[in-house]
């Protein structure tokens, strides 16, 4: 997958090995779901920035762990004559991920990759608004995390 990772604010950082793991997870998902040539943007951010996005785009006035903006569901015009698909954007709060990793008793690395996988599944059309959808999405998340070799 053609993945771009950025930071907002730009002063945020992560360990190089985690940075590489984010790219690897995107590539594995791309290969598993037939979107290995797709374009993906991942933004690693803080609670303040994701809170502002959550309020602006979802009307929810609080920070969250991950947001996904699927290009397929946007009002953007279709891009014709390309060999790739634009999947969209995944935004992950590093602050929220640290808290959740501690709360759930697993590593920060595992939580970041899980949130990335969760966001990617949303870009691919999965959701969790009812029990059947939630179970299907959770099953896909477990499947991908197993393929990545990342357990709880």
C-alpha atoms as a PDB file:
ATOM      1  CA  UNK A   1       0.000   0.000   0.000  1.00  0.00           C
ATOM      2  CA  UNK A   2       1.218   3.513  -0.725  1.00  0.00           C
ATOM      3  CA  UNK A   3       1.120   4.909   2.794  1.00  0.00           C
ATOM      4  CA  UNK A   4       1.988   8.375   4.041  1.00  0.00           C
ATOM      5  CA  UNK A   5       2.423   8.920   7.775  1.00  0.00           C
ATOM      6  CA  UNK A   6       2.468  12.409   9.240  1.00  0.00           C
ATOM      7  CA  UNK A   7       2.303  14.066  12.645  1.00  0.00           C
ATOM      8  CA  UNK A   8      -0.028  16.821  13.824  1.00  0.00           C
ATOM      9  CA  UNK A   9       1.456  18.678  15.577  1.00  0.00           C
ATOM     10  CA  UNK A  10       4.746  18.043  13.821  1.00  0.00           C
ATOM     11  CA  UNK A  11       6.620  17.944  17.145  1.00  0.00           C
ATOM     12  CA  UNK A  12       5.172  14.507  17.985  1.00  0.00           C
ATOM     13  CA  UNK A  13       7.422  11.501  17.501  1.00  0.00           C
ATOM     14  CA  UNK A  14       7.362   7.725  17.799  1.00  0.00           C
ATOM     15  CA  UNK A  15      10.045   5.064  17.866  1.00  0.00           C
ATOM     16  CA  UNK A  16      11.409   4.148  14.422  1.00  0.00           C
ATOM     17  CA  UNK A  17      10.459   0.485  14.882  1.00  0.00           C
ATOM     18  CA  UNK A  18       6.823   1.452  15.518  1.00  0.00           C
ATOM     19  CA  UNK A  19       6.931   3.725  12.490  1.00  0.00           C
ATOM     20  CA  UNK A  20       8.012   0.736  10.374  1.00  0.00           C
ATOM     21  CA  UNK A  21       5.345  -1.475  11.969  1.00  0.00           C
ATOM     22  CA  UNK A  22       2.661   1.010  10.882  1.00  0.00           C
ATOM     23  CA  UNK A  23       3.826   0.684   7.266  1.00  0.00           C
ATOM     24  CA  UNK A  24       3.983  -3.114   7.558  1.00  0.00           C
ATOM     25  CA  UNK A  25       0.431  -3.298   8.927  1.00  0.00           C
ATOM     26  CA  UNK A  26      -0.865  -1.174   6.050  1.00  0.00           C
ATOM     27  CA  UNK A  27       0.905  -3.433   3.549  1.00  0.00           C
ATOM     28  CA  UNK A  28      -0.514  -6.596   5.125  1.00  0.00           C
ATOM     29  CA  UNK A  29      -4.050  -5.178   5.098  1.00  0.00           C
ATOM     30  CA  UNK A  30      -3.566  -4.042   1.512  1.00  0.00           C
ATOM     31  CA  UNK A  31      -2.521  -7.516   0.432  1.00  0.00           C
ATOM     32  CA  UNK A  32      -5.263  -9.282   2.391  1.00  0.00           C
ATOM     33  CA  UNK A  33      -8.057  -7.092   1.004  1.00  0.00           C
ATOM     34  CA  UNK A  34      -6.825  -6.568  -2.548  1.00  0.00           C
ATOM     35  CA  UNK A  35      -5.938  -2.896  -2.184  1.00  0.00           C
ATOM     36  CA  UNK A  36      -2.164  -3.233  -2.248  1.00  0.00           C
ATOM     37  CA  UNK A  37      -1.875  -0.346  -4.748  1.00  0.00           C
ATOM     38  CA  UNK A  38      -4.182   1.981  -2.817  1.00  0.00           C
ATOM     39  CA  UNK A  39      -3.197   5.344  -1.355  1.00  0.00           C
ATOM     40  CA  UNK A  40      -3.516   5.778   2.414  1.00  0.00           C
ATOM     41  CA  UNK A  41      -2.801   8.682   4.723  1.00  0.00           C
ATOM     42  CA  UNK A  42      -2.206   8.130   8.440  1.00  0.00           C
ATOM     43  CA  UNK A  43      -1.927  11.053  10.834  1.00  0.00           C
ATOM     44  CA  UNK A  44      -0.601  10.522  14.341  1.00  0.00           C
ATOM     45  CA  UNK A  45      -1.854  13.267  16.592  1.00  0.00           C
ATOM     46  CA  UNK A  46      -2.731  14.322  20.122  1.00  0.00           C
ATOM     47  CA  UNK A  47      -6.042  14.504  21.986  1.00  0.00           C
ATOM     48  CA  UNK A  48      -6.476  18.217  21.301  1.00  0.00           C
ATOM     49  CA  UNK A  49      -6.293  17.816  17.517  1.00  0.00           C
ATOM     50  CA  UNK A  50      -8.438  14.682  17.314  1.00  0.00           C
ATOM     51  CA  UNK A  51     -10.978  16.321  19.635  1.00  0.00           C
ATOM     52  CA  UNK A  52     -11.300  19.249  17.212  1.00  0.00           C
ATOM     53  CA  UNK A  53     -11.739  16.869  14.250  1.00  0.00           C
ATOM     54  CA  UNK A  54     -14.260  14.730  16.121  1.00  0.00           C
ATOM     55  CA  UNK A  55     -16.302  17.813  16.995  1.00  0.00           C
ATOM     56  CA  UNK A  56     -16.122  19.302  13.496  1.00  0.00           C
ATOM     57  CA  UNK A  57     -16.876  16.179  11.461  1.00  0.00           C
ATOM     58  CA  UNK A  58     -18.900  13.990  13.824  1.00  0.00           C
ATOM     59  CA  UNK A  59     -20.447  16.527  16.186  1.00  0.00           C
ATOM     60  CA  UNK A  60     -18.902  14.726  19.171  1.00  0.00           C
ATOM     61  CA  UNK A  61     -17.290  17.137  21.638  1.00  0.00           C
ATOM     62  CA  UNK A  62     -14.523  14.935  23.028  1.00  0.00           C
ATOM     63  CA  UNK A  63     -11.276  13.283  22.072  1.00  0.00           C
ATOM     64  CA  UNK A  64     -11.412   9.800  20.576  1.00  0.00           C
ATOM     65  CA  UNK A  65      -8.822   7.160  19.770  1.00  0.00           C
ATOM     66  CA  UNK A  66      -9.166   6.873  15.978  1.00  0.00           C
ATOM     67  CA  UNK A  67     -11.049   8.566  13.162  1.00  0.00           C
ATOM     68  CA  UNK A  68     -11.407   7.347   9.592  1.00  0.00           C
ATOM     69  CA  UNK A  69     -12.354   9.373   6.563  1.00  0.00           C
ATOM     70  CA  UNK A  70     -13.075   7.089   3.616  1.00  0.00           C
ATOM     71  CA  UNK A  71     -12.529   8.609   0.187  1.00  0.00           C
ATOM     72  CA  UNK A  72     -15.190   6.220  -1.150  1.00  0.00           C
ATOM     73  CA  UNK A  73     -17.764   7.938   1.036  1.00  0.00           C
ATOM     74  CA  UNK A  74     -16.684  11.508   0.334  1.00  0.00           C
ATOM     75  CA  UNK A  75     -18.120  14.077  -2.030  1.00  0.00           C
ATOM     76  CA  UNK A  76     -14.828  14.215  -3.925  1.00  0.00           C
ATOM     77  CA  UNK A  77     -15.073  13.481  -7.650  1.00  0.00           C
ATOM     78  CA  UNK A  78     -13.972  10.071  -8.909  1.00  0.00           C
ATOM     79  CA  UNK A  79     -10.401   9.953 -10.139  1.00  0.00           C
ATOM     80  CA  UNK A  80     -10.346   8.444 -13.620  1.00  0.00           C
ATOM     81  CA  UNK A  81      -7.377   6.991 -15.472  1.00  0.00           C
ATOM     82  CA  UNK A  82      -5.301   5.884 -12.475  1.00  0.00           C
ATOM     83  CA  UNK A  83      -3.983   2.495 -11.444  1.00  0.00           C
ATOM     84  CA  UNK A  84      -4.668   3.100  -7.773  1.00  0.00           C
ATOM     85  CA  UNK A  85      -7.513   3.800  -5.396  1.00  0.00           C
ATOM     86  CA  UNK A  86      -7.446   6.465  -2.701  1.00  0.00           C
ATOM     87  CA  UNK A  87      -8.671   4.737   0.454  1.00  0.00           C
ATOM     88  CA  UNK A  88      -8.696   7.775   2.710  1.00  0.00           C
ATOM     89  CA  UNK A  89      -7.319   9.002   6.000  1.00  0.00           C
ATOM     90  CA  UNK A  90      -6.844   7.383   9.393  1.00  0.00           C
ATOM     91  CA  UNK A  91      -6.136   9.696  12.345  1.00  0.00           C
ATOM     92  CA  UNK A  92      -4.852   8.160  15.589  1.00  0.00           C
ATOM     93  CA  UNK A  93      -4.432   9.908  18.935  1.00  0.00           C
ATOM     94  CA  UNK A  94      -1.114   8.866  20.457  1.00  0.00           C
ATOM     95  CA  UNK A  95      -2.273  10.176  23.840  1.00  0.00           C
ATOM     96  CA  UNK A  96      -5.472   8.129  23.795  1.00  0.00           C
ATOM     97  CA  UNK A  97      -3.549   5.059  22.612  1.00  0.00           C
ATOM     98  CA  UNK A  98      -1.146   5.317  25.581  1.00  0.00           C
ATOM     99  CA  UNK A  99      -4.030   5.505  28.056  1.00  0.00           C
ATOM    100  CA  UNK A 100      -5.916   2.632  26.415  1.00  0.00           C
ATOM    101  CA  UNK A 101      -2.815   0.433  26.238  1.00  0.00           C
ATOM    102  CA  UNK A 102      -2.383   0.849  29.982  1.00  0.00           C
ATOM    103  CA  UNK A 103      -6.105   0.332  30.654  1.00  0.00           C
ATOM    104  CA  UNK A 104      -6.203  -2.842  28.539  1.00  0.00           C
ATOM    105  CA  UNK A 105      -2.887  -4.161  29.850  1.00  0.00           C
ATOM    106  CA  UNK A 106      -1.036  -4.433  26.562  1.00  0.00           C
ATOM    107  CA  UNK A 107       1.717  -2.540  24.780  1.00  0.00           C
ATOM    108  CA  UNK A 108       1.505   0.898  23.215  1.00  0.00           C
ATOM    109  CA  UNK A 109       2.728  -0.729  19.976  1.00  0.00           C
ATOM    110  CA  UNK A 110      -0.169  -3.197  19.997  1.00  0.00           C
ATOM    111  CA  UNK A 111      -2.699  -0.432  20.632  1.00  0.00           C
ATOM    112  CA  UNK A 112      -1.397   1.784  17.803  1.00  0.00           C
ATOM    113  CA  UNK A 113      -1.480  -1.076  15.305  1.00  0.00           C
ATOM    114  CA  UNK A 114      -4.923  -2.178  16.501  1.00  0.00           C
ATOM    115  CA  UNK A 115      -6.266   1.361  16.036  1.00  0.00           C
ATOM    116  CA  UNK A 116      -4.694   1.490  12.576  1.00  0.00           C
ATOM    117  CA  UNK A 117      -6.323  -1.832  11.637  1.00  0.00           C
ATOM    118  CA  UNK A 118      -9.663  -0.638  13.025  1.00  0.00           C
ATOM    119  CA  UNK A 119      -9.434   2.560  10.993  1.00  0.00           C
ATOM    120  CA  UNK A 120      -8.412   0.692   7.835  1.00  0.00           C
ATOM    121  CA  UNK A 121     -11.391  -1.636   8.150  1.00  0.00           C
ATOM    122  CA  UNK A 122     -13.660   1.414   8.297  1.00  0.00           C
ATOM    123  CA  UNK A 123     -12.039   2.673   5.082  1.00  0.00           C
ATOM    124  CA  UNK A 124     -12.785  -0.710   3.512  1.00  0.00           C
ATOM    125  CA  UNK A 125     -16.474  -0.436   4.429  1.00  0.00           C
ATOM    126  CA  UNK A 126     -16.680  -2.297   7.742  1.00  0.00           C
ATOM    127  CA  UNK A 127     -18.635  -0.771  10.602  1.00  0.00           C
ATOM    128  CA  UNK A 128     -19.948  -1.598  14.065  1.00  0.00           C
ATOM    129  CA  UNK A 129     -23.311   0.138  14.333  1.00  0.00           C
ATOM    130  CA  UNK A 130     -25.225  -3.074  15.141  1.00  0.00           C
ATOM    131  CA  UNK A 131     -24.284  -6.399  16.738  1.00  0.00           C
ATOM    132  CA  UNK A 132     -23.870  -8.326  13.484  1.00  0.00           C
ATOM    133  CA  UNK A 133     -21.598  -5.649  12.007  1.00  0.00           C
ATOM    134  CA  UNK A 134     -19.665  -5.355  15.266  1.00  0.00           C
ATOM    135  CA  UNK A 135     -19.057  -9.113  15.399  1.00  0.00           C
ATOM    136  CA  UNK A 136     -17.933  -9.189  11.770  1.00  0.00           C
ATOM    137  CA  UNK A 137     -15.577  -6.244  12.278  1.00  0.00           C
ATOM    138  CA  UNK A 138     -14.146  -7.718  15.481  1.00  0.00           C
ATOM    139  CA  UNK A 139     -13.554 -11.010  13.670  1.00  0.00           C
ATOM    140  CA  UNK A 140     -11.696  -9.186  10.875  1.00  0.00           C
ATOM    141  CA  UNK A 141      -9.626  -7.255  13.434  1.00  0.00           C
ATOM    142  CA  UNK A 142      -8.590 -10.503  15.158  1.00  0.00           C
ATOM    143  CA  UNK A 143      -7.780 -12.081  11.780  1.00  0.00           C
ATOM    144  CA  UNK A 144      -5.508  -9.187  10.786  1.00  0.00           C
ATOM    145  CA  UNK A 145      -3.822  -8.908  14.170  1.00  0.00           C
ATOM    146  CA  UNK A 146      -3.100 -12.660  14.033  1.00  0.00           C
ATOM    147  CA  UNK A 147      -1.627 -12.255  10.528  1.00  0.00           C
ATOM    148  CA  UNK A 148       0.565  -9.480  11.910  1.00  0.00           C
ATOM    149  CA  UNK A 149       1.623 -11.699  14.816  1.00  0.00           C
ATOM    150  CA  UNK A 150       0.408  -9.175  17.376  1.00  0.00           C
ATOM    151  CA  UNK A 151      -1.505 -10.693  20.271  1.00  0.00           C
ATOM    152  CA  UNK A 152      -2.947  -9.140  23.371  1.00  0.00           C
END
